[in-house]
Amino acid sequence: LANLGSLGDVLVDGEGRTLYFFSNDASGESACSGGCIESW
């Protein structure tokens, strides 16, 4: 956990890189594939 200012405590990896959720993944499966994965 890293405190990132106004966003509060956020999950980061061991090198401090921020991790994200995708709203289209509410079912628990990934809806991000193809070109999406290049950005995410």
Full PDB file with SEQRES, HELIX, SHEET, SSBOND, CRYST1, ORIGX, SCALE, CONECT and MASTER records, all heavy atoms in Angstrom:
SEQRES   1 A   40  LEU ALA ASN LEU GLY SER LEU GLY ASP VAL LEU VAL ASP          
SEQRES   2 A   40  GLY GLU GLY ARG THR LEU TYR PHE PHE SER ASN ASP ALA          
SEQRES   3 A   40  SER GLY GLU SER ALA CYS SER GLY GLY CYS ILE GLU SER          
SEQRES   4 A   40  TRP                                                          
HELIX    1 AA1 GLY A    5  LEU A    7  5                                   3    
HELIX    2 AA2 SER A   23  ASP A   25  5                                   3    
HELIX    3 AA3 GLY A   35  SER A   39  1                                   5    
SSBOND   1 CYS A   32    CYS A   36                          1555   1555  1.87  
CRYST1    1.000    1.000    1.000  90.00  90.00  90.00 P 1           1          
ORIGX1      1.000000  0.000000  0.000000        0.00000                         
ORIGX2      0.000000  1.000000  0.000000        0.00000                         
ORIGX3      0.000000  0.000000  1.000000        0.00000                         
SCALE1      1.000000  0.000000  0.000000        0.00000                         
SCALE2      0.000000  1.000000  0.000000        0.00000                         
SCALE3      0.000000  0.000000  1.000000        0.00000                         
ATOM      1  N   LEU A   1       0.851  -1.187   0.000  1.00  0.00           N  
ATOM      2  CA  LEU A   1       0.000   0.000   0.000  1.00  0.00           C  
ATOM      3  C   LEU A   1       0.888   1.239   0.000  1.00  0.00           C  
ATOM      4  O   LEU A   1       1.867   1.314   0.743  1.00  0.00           O  
ATOM      5  CB  LEU A   1      -0.902   0.029   1.231  1.00  0.00           C  
ATOM      6  CG  LEU A   1      -2.029  -0.995   1.292  1.00  0.00           C  
ATOM      7  CD1 LEU A   1      -2.800  -0.865   2.596  1.00  0.00           C  
ATOM      8  CD2 LEU A   1      -2.979  -0.824   0.109  1.00  0.00           C  
ATOM      9  N   ALA A   2       0.531   2.189  -0.851  1.00  0.00           N  
ATOM     10  CA  ALA A   2       1.240   3.464  -0.892  1.00  0.00           C  
ATOM     11  C   ALA A   2       0.213   4.573  -0.770  1.00  0.00           C  
ATOM     12  O   ALA A   2      -0.847   4.524  -1.407  1.00  0.00           O  
ATOM     13  CB  ALA A   2       2.028   3.610  -2.189  1.00  0.00           C  
ATOM     14  N   ASN A   3       0.507   5.570   0.057  1.00  0.00           N  
ATOM     15  CA  ASN A   3      -0.388   6.715   0.179  1.00  0.00           C  
ATOM     16  C   ASN A   3      -0.066   7.701  -0.930  1.00  0.00           C  
ATOM     17  O   ASN A   3       1.019   8.281  -0.970  1.00  0.00           O  
ATOM     18  CB  ASN A   3      -0.243   7.382   1.546  1.00  0.00           C  
ATOM     19  CG  ASN A   3      -1.316   8.425   1.766  1.00  0.00           C  
ATOM     20  OD1 ASN A   3      -1.243   9.531   1.243  1.00  0.00           O  
ATOM     21  ND2 ASN A   3      -2.338   8.077   2.535  1.00  0.00           N  
ATOM     22  N   LEU A   4      -1.022   7.864  -1.846  1.00  0.00           N  
ATOM     23  CA  LEU A   4      -0.803   8.685  -3.034  1.00  0.00           C  
ATOM     24  C   LEU A   4      -1.678   9.939  -2.989  1.00  0.00           C  
ATOM     25  O   LEU A   4      -2.573  10.152  -3.808  1.00  0.00           O  
ATOM     26  CB  LEU A   4      -1.062   7.875  -4.301  1.00  0.00           C  
ATOM     27  CG  LEU A   4      -0.184   6.626  -4.467  1.00  0.00           C  
ATOM     28  CD1 LEU A   4      -0.491   5.917  -5.763  1.00  0.00           C  
ATOM     29  CD2 LEU A   4       1.295   6.983  -4.393  1.00  0.00           C  
ATOM     30  N   GLY A   5      -1.418  10.749  -1.987  1.00  0.00           N  
ATOM     31  CA  GLY A   5      -2.072  12.047  -1.868  1.00  0.00           C  
ATOM     32  C   GLY A   5      -3.568  11.961  -1.722  1.00  0.00           C  
ATOM     33  O   GLY A   5      -4.092  11.219  -0.888  1.00  0.00           O  
ATOM     34  N   SER A   6      -4.289  12.681  -2.578  1.00  0.00           N  
ATOM     35  CA  SER A   6      -5.746  12.763  -2.460  1.00  0.00           C  
ATOM     36  C   SER A   6      -6.427  11.423  -2.725  1.00  0.00           C  
ATOM     37  O   SER A   6      -7.582  11.224  -2.343  1.00  0.00           O  
ATOM     38  CB  SER A   6      -6.297  13.811  -3.434  1.00  0.00           C  
ATOM     39  OG  SER A   6      -6.008  13.455  -4.772  1.00  0.00           O  
ATOM     40  N   LEU A   7      -5.726  10.494  -3.377  1.00  0.00           N  
ATOM     41  CA  LEU A   7      -6.312   9.173  -3.657  1.00  0.00           C  
ATOM     42  C   LEU A   7      -6.198   8.227  -2.467  1.00  0.00           C  
ATOM     43  O   LEU A   7      -6.782   7.150  -2.481  1.00  0.00           O  
ATOM     44  CB  LEU A   7      -5.639   8.556  -4.888  1.00  0.00           C  
ATOM     45  CG  LEU A   7      -5.910   9.266  -6.218  1.00  0.00           C  
ATOM     46  CD1 LEU A   7      -5.069   8.661  -7.333  1.00  0.00           C  
ATOM     47  CD2 LEU A   7      -7.392   9.205  -6.574  1.00  0.00           C  
ATOM     48  N   GLY A   8      -5.437   8.613  -1.454  1.00  0.00           N  
ATOM     49  CA  GLY A   8      -5.306   7.780  -0.266  1.00  0.00           C  
ATOM     50  C   GLY A   8      -4.440   6.558  -0.505  1.00  0.00           C  
ATOM     51  O   GLY A   8      -3.533   6.572  -1.346  1.00  0.00           O  
ATOM     52  N   ASP A   9      -4.738   5.483   0.222  1.00  0.00           N  
ATOM     53  CA  ASP A   9      -3.965   4.247   0.108  1.00  0.00           C  
ATOM     54  C   ASP A   9      -4.335   3.502  -1.175  1.00  0.00           C  
ATOM     55  O   ASP A   9      -5.507   3.208  -1.415  1.00  0.00           O  
ATOM     56  CB  ASP A   9      -4.206   3.343   1.314  1.00  0.00           C  
ATOM     57  CG  ASP A   9      -3.527   3.853   2.569  1.00  0.00           C  
ATOM     58  OD1 ASP A   9      -2.586   4.662   2.444  1.00  0.00           O  
ATOM     59  OD2 ASP A   9      -3.931   3.440   3.669  1.00  0.00           O  
ATOM     60  N   VAL A  10      -3.307   3.182  -1.960  1.00  0.00           N  
ATOM     61  CA  VAL A  10      -3.488   2.548  -3.267  1.00  0.00           C  
ATOM     62  C   VAL A  10      -2.563   1.340  -3.356  1.00  0.00           C  
ATOM     63  O   VAL A  10      -1.446   1.358  -2.821  1.00  0.00           O  
ATOM     64  CB  VAL A  10      -3.172   3.547  -4.396  1.00  0.00           C  
ATOM     65  CG1 VAL A  10      -3.212   2.869  -5.759  1.00  0.00           C  
ATOM     66  CG2 VAL A  10      -4.144   4.723  -4.362  1.00  0.00           C  
ATOM     67  N   LEU A  11      -3.012   0.285  -4.037  1.00  0.00           N  
ATOM     68  CA  LEU A  11      -2.171  -0.886  -4.256  1.00  0.00           C  
ATOM     69  C   LEU A  11      -1.093  -0.565  -5.291  1.00  0.00           C  
ATOM     70  O   LEU A  11      -1.398  -0.038  -6.369  1.00  0.00           O  
ATOM     71  CB  LEU A  11      -3.003  -2.073  -4.747  1.00  0.00           C  
ATOM     72  CG  LEU A  11      -3.620  -2.998  -3.683  1.00  0.00           C  
ATOM     73  CD1 LEU A  11      -4.661  -2.267  -2.860  1.00  0.00           C  
ATOM     74  CD2 LEU A  11      -4.255  -4.220  -4.355  1.00  0.00           C  
ATOM     75  N   VAL A  12       0.154  -0.902  -4.952  1.00  0.00           N  
ATOM     76  CA  VAL A  12       1.277  -0.750  -5.882  1.00  0.00           C  
ATOM     77  C   VAL A  12       2.086  -2.047  -5.868  1.00  0.00           C  
ATOM     78  O   VAL A  12       1.978  -2.842  -4.936  1.00  0.00           O  
ATOM     79  CB  VAL A  12       2.183   0.443  -5.505  1.00  0.00           C  
ATOM     80  CG1 VAL A  12       1.403   1.749  -5.548  1.00  0.00           C  
ATOM     81  CG2 VAL A  12       2.820   0.251  -4.119  1.00  0.00           C  
ATOM     82  N   ASP A  13       2.904  -2.236  -6.914  1.00  0.00           N  
ATOM     83  CA  ASP A  13       3.758  -3.414  -6.914  1.00  0.00           C  
ATOM     84  C   ASP A  13       5.033  -3.140  -6.127  1.00  0.00           C  
ATOM     85  O   ASP A  13       5.185  -2.084  -5.500  1.00  0.00           O  
ATOM     86  CB  ASP A  13       4.052  -3.884  -8.346  1.00  0.00           C  
ATOM     87  CG  ASP A  13       5.042  -2.986  -9.089  1.00  0.00           C  
ATOM     88  OD1 ASP A  13       5.488  -1.955  -8.527  1.00  0.00           O  
ATOM     89  OD2 ASP A  13       5.392  -3.313 -10.241  1.00  0.00           O  
ATOM     90  N   GLY A  14       5.958  -4.088  -6.131  1.00  0.00           N  
ATOM     91  CA  GLY A  14       7.166  -3.962  -5.330  1.00  0.00           C  
ATOM     92  C   GLY A  14       8.061  -2.806  -5.717  1.00  0.00           C  
ATOM     93  O   GLY A  14       8.911  -2.370  -4.933  1.00  0.00           O  
ATOM     94  N   GLU A  15       7.877  -2.279  -6.931  1.00  0.00           N  
ATOM     95  CA  GLU A  15       8.661  -1.138  -7.384  1.00  0.00           C  
ATOM     96  C   GLU A  15       7.888   0.164  -7.286  1.00  0.00           C  
ATOM     97  O   GLU A  15       8.339   1.203  -7.771  1.00  0.00           O  
ATOM     98  CB  GLU A  15       9.121  -1.374  -8.830  1.00  0.00           C  
ATOM     99  CG  GLU A  15      10.060  -2.576  -8.966  1.00  0.00           C  
ATOM    100  CD  GLU A  15      10.500  -2.812 -10.395  1.00  0.00           C  
ATOM    101  OE1 GLU A  15       9.933  -2.159 -11.304  1.00  0.00           O  
ATOM    102  OE2 GLU A  15      11.416  -3.622 -10.605  1.00  0.00           O  
ATOM    103  N   GLY A  16       6.707   0.100  -6.669  1.00  0.00           N  
ATOM    104  CA  GLY A  16       5.919   1.307  -6.452  1.00  0.00           C  
ATOM    105  C   GLY A  16       5.021   1.693  -7.604  1.00  0.00           C  
ATOM    106  O   GLY A  16       4.427   2.778  -7.592  1.00  0.00           O  
ATOM    107  N   ARG A  17       4.871   0.825  -8.604  1.00  0.00           N  
ATOM    108  CA  ARG A  17       4.010   1.135  -9.746  1.00  0.00           C  
ATOM    109  C   ARG A  17       2.548   0.874  -9.392  1.00  0.00           C  
ATOM    110  O   ARG A  17       2.194  -0.184  -8.853  1.00  0.00           O  
ATOM    111  CB  ARG A  17       4.418   0.326 -10.977  1.00  0.00           C  
ATOM    112  CG  ARG A  17       5.753   0.728 -11.570  1.00  0.00           C  
ATOM    113  CD  ARG A  17       5.990   0.028 -12.885  1.00  0.00           C  
ATOM    114  NE  ARG A  17       4.966   0.364 -13.875  1.00  0.00           N  
ATOM    115  CZ  ARG A  17       4.782  -0.310 -15.010  1.00  0.00           C  
ATOM    116  NH1 ARG A  17       5.529  -1.379 -15.270  1.00  0.00           N  
ATOM    117  NH2 ARG A  17       3.846   0.065 -15.867  1.00  0.00           N  
ATOM    118  N   THR A  18       1.702   1.819  -9.731  1.00  0.00           N  
ATOM    119  CA  THR A  18       0.288   1.782  -9.367  1.00  0.00           C  
ATOM    120  C   THR A  18      -0.462   0.662 -10.097  1.00  0.00           C  
ATOM    121  O   THR A  18      -0.218   0.398 -11.278  1.00  0.00           O  
ATOM    122  CB  THR A  18      -0.367   3.137  -9.705  1.00  0.00           C  
ATOM    123  OG1 THR A  18       0.349   4.181  -9.021  1.00  0.00           O  
ATOM    124  CG2 THR A  18      -1.819   3.163  -9.278  1.00  0.00           C  
ATOM    125  N   LEU A  19      -1.395   0.032  -9.375  1.00  0.00           N  
ATOM    126  CA  LEU A  19      -2.255  -1.005  -9.939  1.00  0.00           C  
ATOM    127  C   LEU A  19      -3.686  -0.475 -10.061  1.00  0.00           C  
ATOM    128  O   LEU A  19      -4.105   0.390  -9.280  1.00  0.00           O  
ATOM    129  CB  LEU A  19      -2.218  -2.260  -9.076  1.00  0.00           C  
ATOM    130  CG  LEU A  19      -0.830  -2.896  -8.923  1.00  0.00           C  
ATOM    131  CD1 LEU A  19      -0.883  -4.046  -7.919  1.00  0.00           C  
ATOM    132  CD2 LEU A  19      -0.310  -3.388 -10.273  1.00  0.00           C  
ATOM    133  N   TYR A  20      -4.427  -1.031 -11.035  1.00  0.00           N  
ATOM    134  CA  TYR A  20      -5.742  -0.490 -11.385  1.00  0.00           C  
ATOM    135  C   TYR A  20      -6.816  -1.567 -11.480  1.00  0.00           C  
ATOM    136  O   TYR A  20      -6.536  -2.738 -11.731  1.00  0.00           O  
ATOM    137  CB  TYR A  20      -5.660   0.219 -12.751  1.00  0.00           C  
ATOM    138  CG  TYR A  20      -4.824   1.470 -12.742  1.00  0.00           C  
ATOM    139  CD1 TYR A  20      -3.445   1.403 -12.948  1.00  0.00           C  
ATOM    140  CD2 TYR A  20      -5.395   2.726 -12.520  1.00  0.00           C  
ATOM    141  CE1 TYR A  20      -2.660   2.549 -12.938  1.00  0.00           C  
ATOM    142  CE2 TYR A  20      -4.624   3.876 -12.520  1.00  0.00           C  
ATOM    143  CZ  TYR A  20      -3.257   3.786 -12.721  1.00  0.00           C  
ATOM    144  OH  TYR A  20      -2.486   4.929 -12.701  1.00  0.00           O  
ATOM    145  N   PHE A  21      -8.103  -1.089 -11.303  1.00  0.00           N  
ATOM    146  CA  PHE A  21      -9.298  -1.880 -11.573  1.00  0.00           C  
ATOM    147  C   PHE A  21      -9.941  -1.371 -12.869  1.00  0.00           C  
ATOM    148  O   PHE A  21      -9.834  -0.185 -13.207  1.00  0.00           O  
ATOM    149  CB  PHE A  21     -10.349  -1.716 -10.465  1.00  0.00           C  
ATOM    150  CG  PHE A  21      -9.980  -2.273  -9.113  1.00  0.00           C  
ATOM    151  CD1 PHE A  21     -10.523  -1.701  -7.964  1.00  0.00           C  
ATOM    152  CD2 PHE A  21      -9.136  -3.354  -8.976  1.00  0.00           C  
ATOM    153  CE1 PHE A  21     -10.226  -2.208  -6.709  1.00  0.00           C  
ATOM    154  CE2 PHE A  21      -8.827  -3.868  -7.726  1.00  0.00           C  
ATOM    155  CZ  PHE A  21      -9.373  -3.287  -6.581  1.00  0.00           C  
ATOM    156  N   PHE A  22     -10.668  -2.259 -13.550  1.00  0.00           N  
ATOM    157  CA  PHE A  22     -11.406  -1.924 -14.760  1.00  0.00           C  
ATOM    158  C   PHE A  22     -12.888  -2.165 -14.496  1.00  0.00           C  
ATOM    159  O   PHE A  22     -13.295  -3.276 -14.139  1.00  0.00           O  
ATOM    160  CB  PHE A  22     -10.907  -2.821 -15.904  1.00  0.00           C  
ATOM    161  CG  PHE A  22     -11.465  -2.532 -17.262  1.00  0.00           C  
ATOM    162  CD1 PHE A  22     -11.856  -1.259 -17.642  1.00  0.00           C  
ATOM    163  CD2 PHE A  22     -11.584  -3.566 -18.201  1.00  0.00           C  
ATOM    164  CE1 PHE A  22     -12.354  -0.998 -18.913  1.00  0.00           C  
ATOM    165  CE2 PHE A  22     -12.073  -3.330 -19.477  1.00  0.00           C  
ATOM    166  CZ  PHE A  22     -12.456  -2.041 -19.834  1.00  0.00           C  
ATOM    167  N   SER A  23     -13.720  -1.126 -14.684  1.00  0.00           N  
ATOM    168  CA  SER A  23     -15.138  -1.228 -14.355  1.00  0.00           C  
ATOM    169  C   SER A  23     -15.860  -2.312 -15.149  1.00  0.00           C  
ATOM    170  O   SER A  23     -16.862  -2.864 -14.688  1.00  0.00           O  
ATOM    171  CB  SER A  23     -15.834   0.117 -14.591  1.00  0.00           C  
ATOM    172  OG  SER A  23     -15.423   1.062 -13.635  1.00  0.00           O  
ATOM    173  N   ASN A  24     -15.368  -2.623 -16.339  1.00  0.00           N  
ATOM    174  CA  ASN A  24     -16.005  -3.649 -17.164  1.00  0.00           C  
ATOM    175  C   ASN A  24     -15.742  -5.064 -16.646  1.00  0.00           C  
ATOM    176  O   ASN A  24     -16.278  -6.034 -17.185  1.00  0.00           O  
ATOM    177  CB  ASN A  24     -15.523  -3.536 -18.603  1.00  0.00           C  
ATOM    178  CG  ASN A  24     -15.915  -2.222 -19.251  1.00  0.00           C  
ATOM    179  OD1 ASN A  24     -15.659  -1.152 -18.700  1.00  0.00           O  
ATOM    180  ND2 ASN A  24     -16.511  -2.269 -20.421  1.00  0.00           N  
ATOM    181  N   ASP A  25     -14.931  -5.190 -15.598  1.00  0.00           N  
ATOM    182  CA  ASP A  25     -14.572  -6.500 -15.038  1.00  0.00           C  
ATOM    183  C   ASP A  25     -15.410  -6.874 -13.818  1.00  0.00           C  
ATOM    184  O   ASP A  25     -15.000  -7.711 -13.012  1.00  0.00           O  
ATOM    185  CB  ASP A  25     -13.096  -6.508 -14.615  1.00  0.00           C  
ATOM    186  CG  ASP A  25     -12.134  -6.458 -15.788  1.00  0.00           C  
ATOM    187  OD1 ASP A  25     -12.575  -6.595 -16.935  1.00  0.00           O  
ATOM    188  OD2 ASP A  25     -10.928  -6.253 -15.547  1.00  0.00           O  
ATOM    189  N   ALA A  26     -16.592  -6.283 -13.667  1.00  0.00           N  
ATOM    190  CA  ALA A  26     -17.380  -6.523 -12.451  1.00  0.00           C  
ATOM    191  C   ALA A  26     -17.695  -7.994 -12.234  1.00  0.00           C  
ATOM    192  O   ALA A  26     -17.852  -8.447 -11.096  1.00  0.00           O  
ATOM    193  CB  ALA A  26     -18.679  -5.719 -12.496  1.00  0.00           C  
ATOM    194  N   SER A  27     -17.761  -8.776 -13.309  1.00  0.00           N  
ATOM    195  CA  SER A  27     -18.072 -10.202 -13.171  1.00  0.00           C  
ATOM    196  C   SER A  27     -16.911 -10.994 -12.585  1.00  0.00           C  
ATOM    197  O   SER A  27     -17.073 -12.146 -12.187  1.00  0.00           O  
ATOM    198  CB  SER A  27     -18.433 -10.796 -14.534  1.00  0.00           C  
ATOM    199  OG  SER A  27     -17.292 -10.823 -15.382  1.00  0.00           O  
ATOM    200  N   GLY A  28     -15.725 -10.387 -12.556  1.00  0.00           N  
ATOM    201  CA  GLY A  28     -14.536 -11.079 -12.065  1.00  0.00           C  
ATOM    202  C   GLY A  28     -13.653 -11.617 -13.171  1.00  0.00           C  
ATOM    203  O   GLY A  28     -12.541 -12.068 -12.912  1.00  0.00           O  
ATOM    204  N   GLU A  29     -14.143 -11.582 -14.406  1.00  0.00           N  
ATOM    205  CA  GLU A  29     -13.341 -11.964 -15.567  1.00  0.00           C  
ATOM    206  C   GLU A  29     -12.812 -10.712 -16.243  1.00  0.00           C  
ATOM    207  O   GLU A  29     -13.429  -9.646 -16.162  1.00  0.00           O  
ATOM    208  CB  GLU A  29     -14.180 -12.781 -16.556  1.00  0.00           C  
ATOM    209  CG  GLU A  29     -14.724 -14.078 -15.980  1.00  0.00           C  
ATOM    210  CD  GLU A  29     -13.613 -15.029 -15.568  1.00  0.00           C  
ATOM    211  OE1 GLU A  29     -12.596 -15.104 -16.275  1.00  0.00           O  
ATOM    212  OE2 GLU A  29     -13.768 -15.701 -14.527  1.00  0.00           O  
ATOM    213  N   SER A  30     -11.671 -10.841 -16.933  1.00  0.00           N  
ATOM    214  CA  SER A  30     -11.086  -9.679 -17.593  1.00  0.00           C  
ATOM    215  C   SER A  30     -11.780  -9.401 -18.918  1.00  0.00           C  
ATOM    216  O   SER A  30     -11.901 -10.280 -19.776  1.00  0.00           O  
ATOM    217  CB  SER A  30      -9.591  -9.889 -17.839  1.00  0.00           C  
ATOM    218  OG  SER A  30      -9.072  -8.829 -18.624  1.00  0.00           O  
ATOM    219  N   ALA A  31     -12.229  -8.144 -19.082  1.00  0.00           N  
ATOM    220  CA  ALA A  31     -12.824  -7.704 -20.339  1.00  0.00           C  
ATOM    221  C   ALA A  31     -11.821  -6.914 -21.169  1.00  0.00           C  
ATOM    222  O   ALA A  31     -12.193  -6.301 -22.177  1.00  0.00           O  
ATOM    223  CB  ALA A  31     -14.062  -6.855 -20.061  1.00  0.00           C  
ATOM    224  N   CYS A  32     -10.562  -6.918 -20.750  1.00  0.00           N  
ATOM    225  CA  CYS A  32      -9.506  -6.179 -21.445  1.00  0.00           C  
ATOM    226  C   CYS A  32      -8.621  -7.173 -22.186  1.00  0.00           C  
ATOM    227  O   CYS A  32      -7.986  -8.034 -21.576  1.00  0.00           O  
ATOM    228  CB  CYS A  32      -8.674  -5.380 -20.439  1.00  0.00           C  
ATOM    229  SG  CYS A  32      -7.324  -4.410 -21.162  1.00  0.00           S  
ATOM    230  N   SER A  33      -8.586  -7.056 -23.520  1.00  0.00           N  
ATOM    231  CA  SER A  33      -7.767  -7.956 -24.328  1.00  0.00           C  
ATOM    232  C   SER A  33      -7.327  -7.217 -25.584  1.00  0.00           C  
ATOM    233  O   SER A  33      -7.724  -6.067 -25.825  1.00  0.00           O  
ATOM    234  CB  SER A  33      -8.546  -9.234 -24.687  1.00  0.00           C  
ATOM    235  OG  SER A  33      -9.712  -8.911 -25.423  1.00  0.00           O  
ATOM    236  N   GLY A  34      -6.525  -7.877 -26.413  1.00  0.00           N  
ATOM    237  CA  GLY A  34      -6.089  -7.264 -27.657  1.00  0.00           C  
ATOM    238  C   GLY A  34      -5.340  -5.969 -27.420  1.00  0.00           C  
ATOM    239  O   GLY A  34      -4.434  -5.879 -26.594  1.00  0.00           O  
ATOM    240  N   GLY A  35      -5.732  -4.925 -28.121  1.00  0.00           N  
ATOM    241  CA  GLY A  35      -5.074  -3.628 -27.994  1.00  0.00           C  
ATOM    242  C   GLY A  35      -5.210  -3.019 -26.611  1.00  0.00           C  
ATOM    243  O   GLY A  35      -4.358  -2.223 -26.186  1.00  0.00           O  
ATOM    244  N   CYS A  36      -6.272  -3.394 -25.903  1.00  0.00           N  
ATOM    245  CA  CYS A  36      -6.468  -2.884 -24.537  1.00  0.00           C  
ATOM    246  C   CYS A  36      -5.276  -3.237 -23.653  1.00  0.00           C  
ATOM    247  O   CYS A  36      -4.812  -2.419 -22.852  1.00  0.00           O  
ATOM    248  CB  CYS A  36      -7.758  -3.457 -23.952  1.00  0.00           C  
ATOM    249  SG  CYS A  36      -8.066  -3.059 -22.219  1.00  0.00           S  
ATOM    250  N   ILE A  37      -4.754  -4.455 -23.799  1.00  0.00           N  
ATOM    251  CA  ILE A  37      -3.657  -4.922 -22.952  1.00  0.00           C  
ATOM    252  C   ILE A  37      -2.368  -4.145 -23.227  1.00  0.00           C  
ATOM    253  O   ILE A  37      -1.504  -4.034 -22.352  1.00  0.00           O  
ATOM    254  CB  ILE A  37      -3.442  -6.438 -23.137  1.00  0.00           C  
ATOM    255  CG1 ILE A  37      -4.619  -7.201 -22.530  1.00  0.00           C  
ATOM    256  CG2 ILE A  37      -2.149  -6.912 -22.494  1.00  0.00           C  
ATOM    257  CD1 ILE A  37      -4.796  -6.996 -21.044  1.00  0.00           C  
ATOM    258  N   GLU A  38      -2.238  -3.582 -24.415  1.00  0.00           N  
ATOM    259  CA  GLU A  38      -1.056  -2.773 -24.700  1.00  0.00           C  
ATOM    260  C   GLU A  38      -1.028  -1.533 -23.817  1.00  0.00           C  
ATOM    261  O   GLU A  38       0.040  -1.078 -23.401  1.00  0.00           O  
ATOM    262  CB  GLU A  38      -1.036  -2.379 -26.177  1.00  0.00           C  
ATOM    263  CG  GLU A  38      -0.878  -3.566 -27.123  1.00  0.00           C  
ATOM    264  CD  GLU A  38      -0.913  -3.156 -28.579  1.00  0.00           C  
ATOM    265  OE1 GLU A  38      -0.883  -1.925 -28.853  1.00  0.00           O  
ATOM    266  OE2 GLU A  38      -0.973  -4.045 -29.442  1.00  0.00           O  
ATOM    267  N   SER A  39      -2.195  -0.983 -23.548  1.00  0.00           N  
ATOM    268  CA  SER A  39      -2.283   0.199 -22.677  1.00  0.00           C  
ATOM    269  C   SER A  39      -2.405  -0.167 -21.209  1.00  0.00           C  
ATOM    270  O   SER A  39      -1.995   0.605 -20.337  1.00  0.00           O  
ATOM    271  CB  SER A  39      -3.491   1.054 -23.079  1.00  0.00           C  
ATOM    272  OG  SER A  39      -3.347   1.564 -24.380  1.00  0.00           O  
ATOM    273  N   TRP A  40      -2.950  -1.354 -20.949  1.00  0.00           N  
ATOM    274  CA  TRP A  40      -3.213  -1.790 -19.574  1.00  0.00           C  
ATOM    275  C   TRP A  40      -2.630  -3.187 -19.362  1.00  0.00           C  
ATOM    276  O   TRP A  40      -3.361  -4.180 -19.322  1.00  0.00           O  
ATOM    277  CB  TRP A  40      -4.717  -1.779 -19.297  1.00  0.00           C  
ATOM    278  CG  TRP A  40      -5.330  -0.430 -19.513  1.00  0.00           C  
ATOM    279  CD1 TRP A  40      -5.906   0.027 -20.660  1.00  0.00           C  
ATOM    280  CD2 TRP A  40      -5.390   0.653 -18.573  1.00  0.00           C  
ATOM    281  NE1 TRP A  40      -6.338   1.320 -20.489  1.00  0.00           N  
ATOM    282  CE2 TRP A  40      -6.037   1.731 -19.220  1.00  0.00           C  
ATOM    283  CE3 TRP A  40      -4.979   0.796 -17.250  1.00  0.00           C  
ATOM    284  CZ2 TRP A  40      -6.261   2.952 -18.593  1.00  0.00           C  
ATOM    285  CZ3 TRP A  40      -5.201   2.009 -16.616  1.00  0.00           C  
ATOM    286  CH2 TRP A  40      -5.837   3.072 -17.275  1.00  0.00           C  
TER     287      TRP A  40                                                      
CONECT  229  249                                                                
CONECT  249  229                                                                
MASTER        0    0    0    3    0    0    0    6  286    1    2    4          
END                                                                             
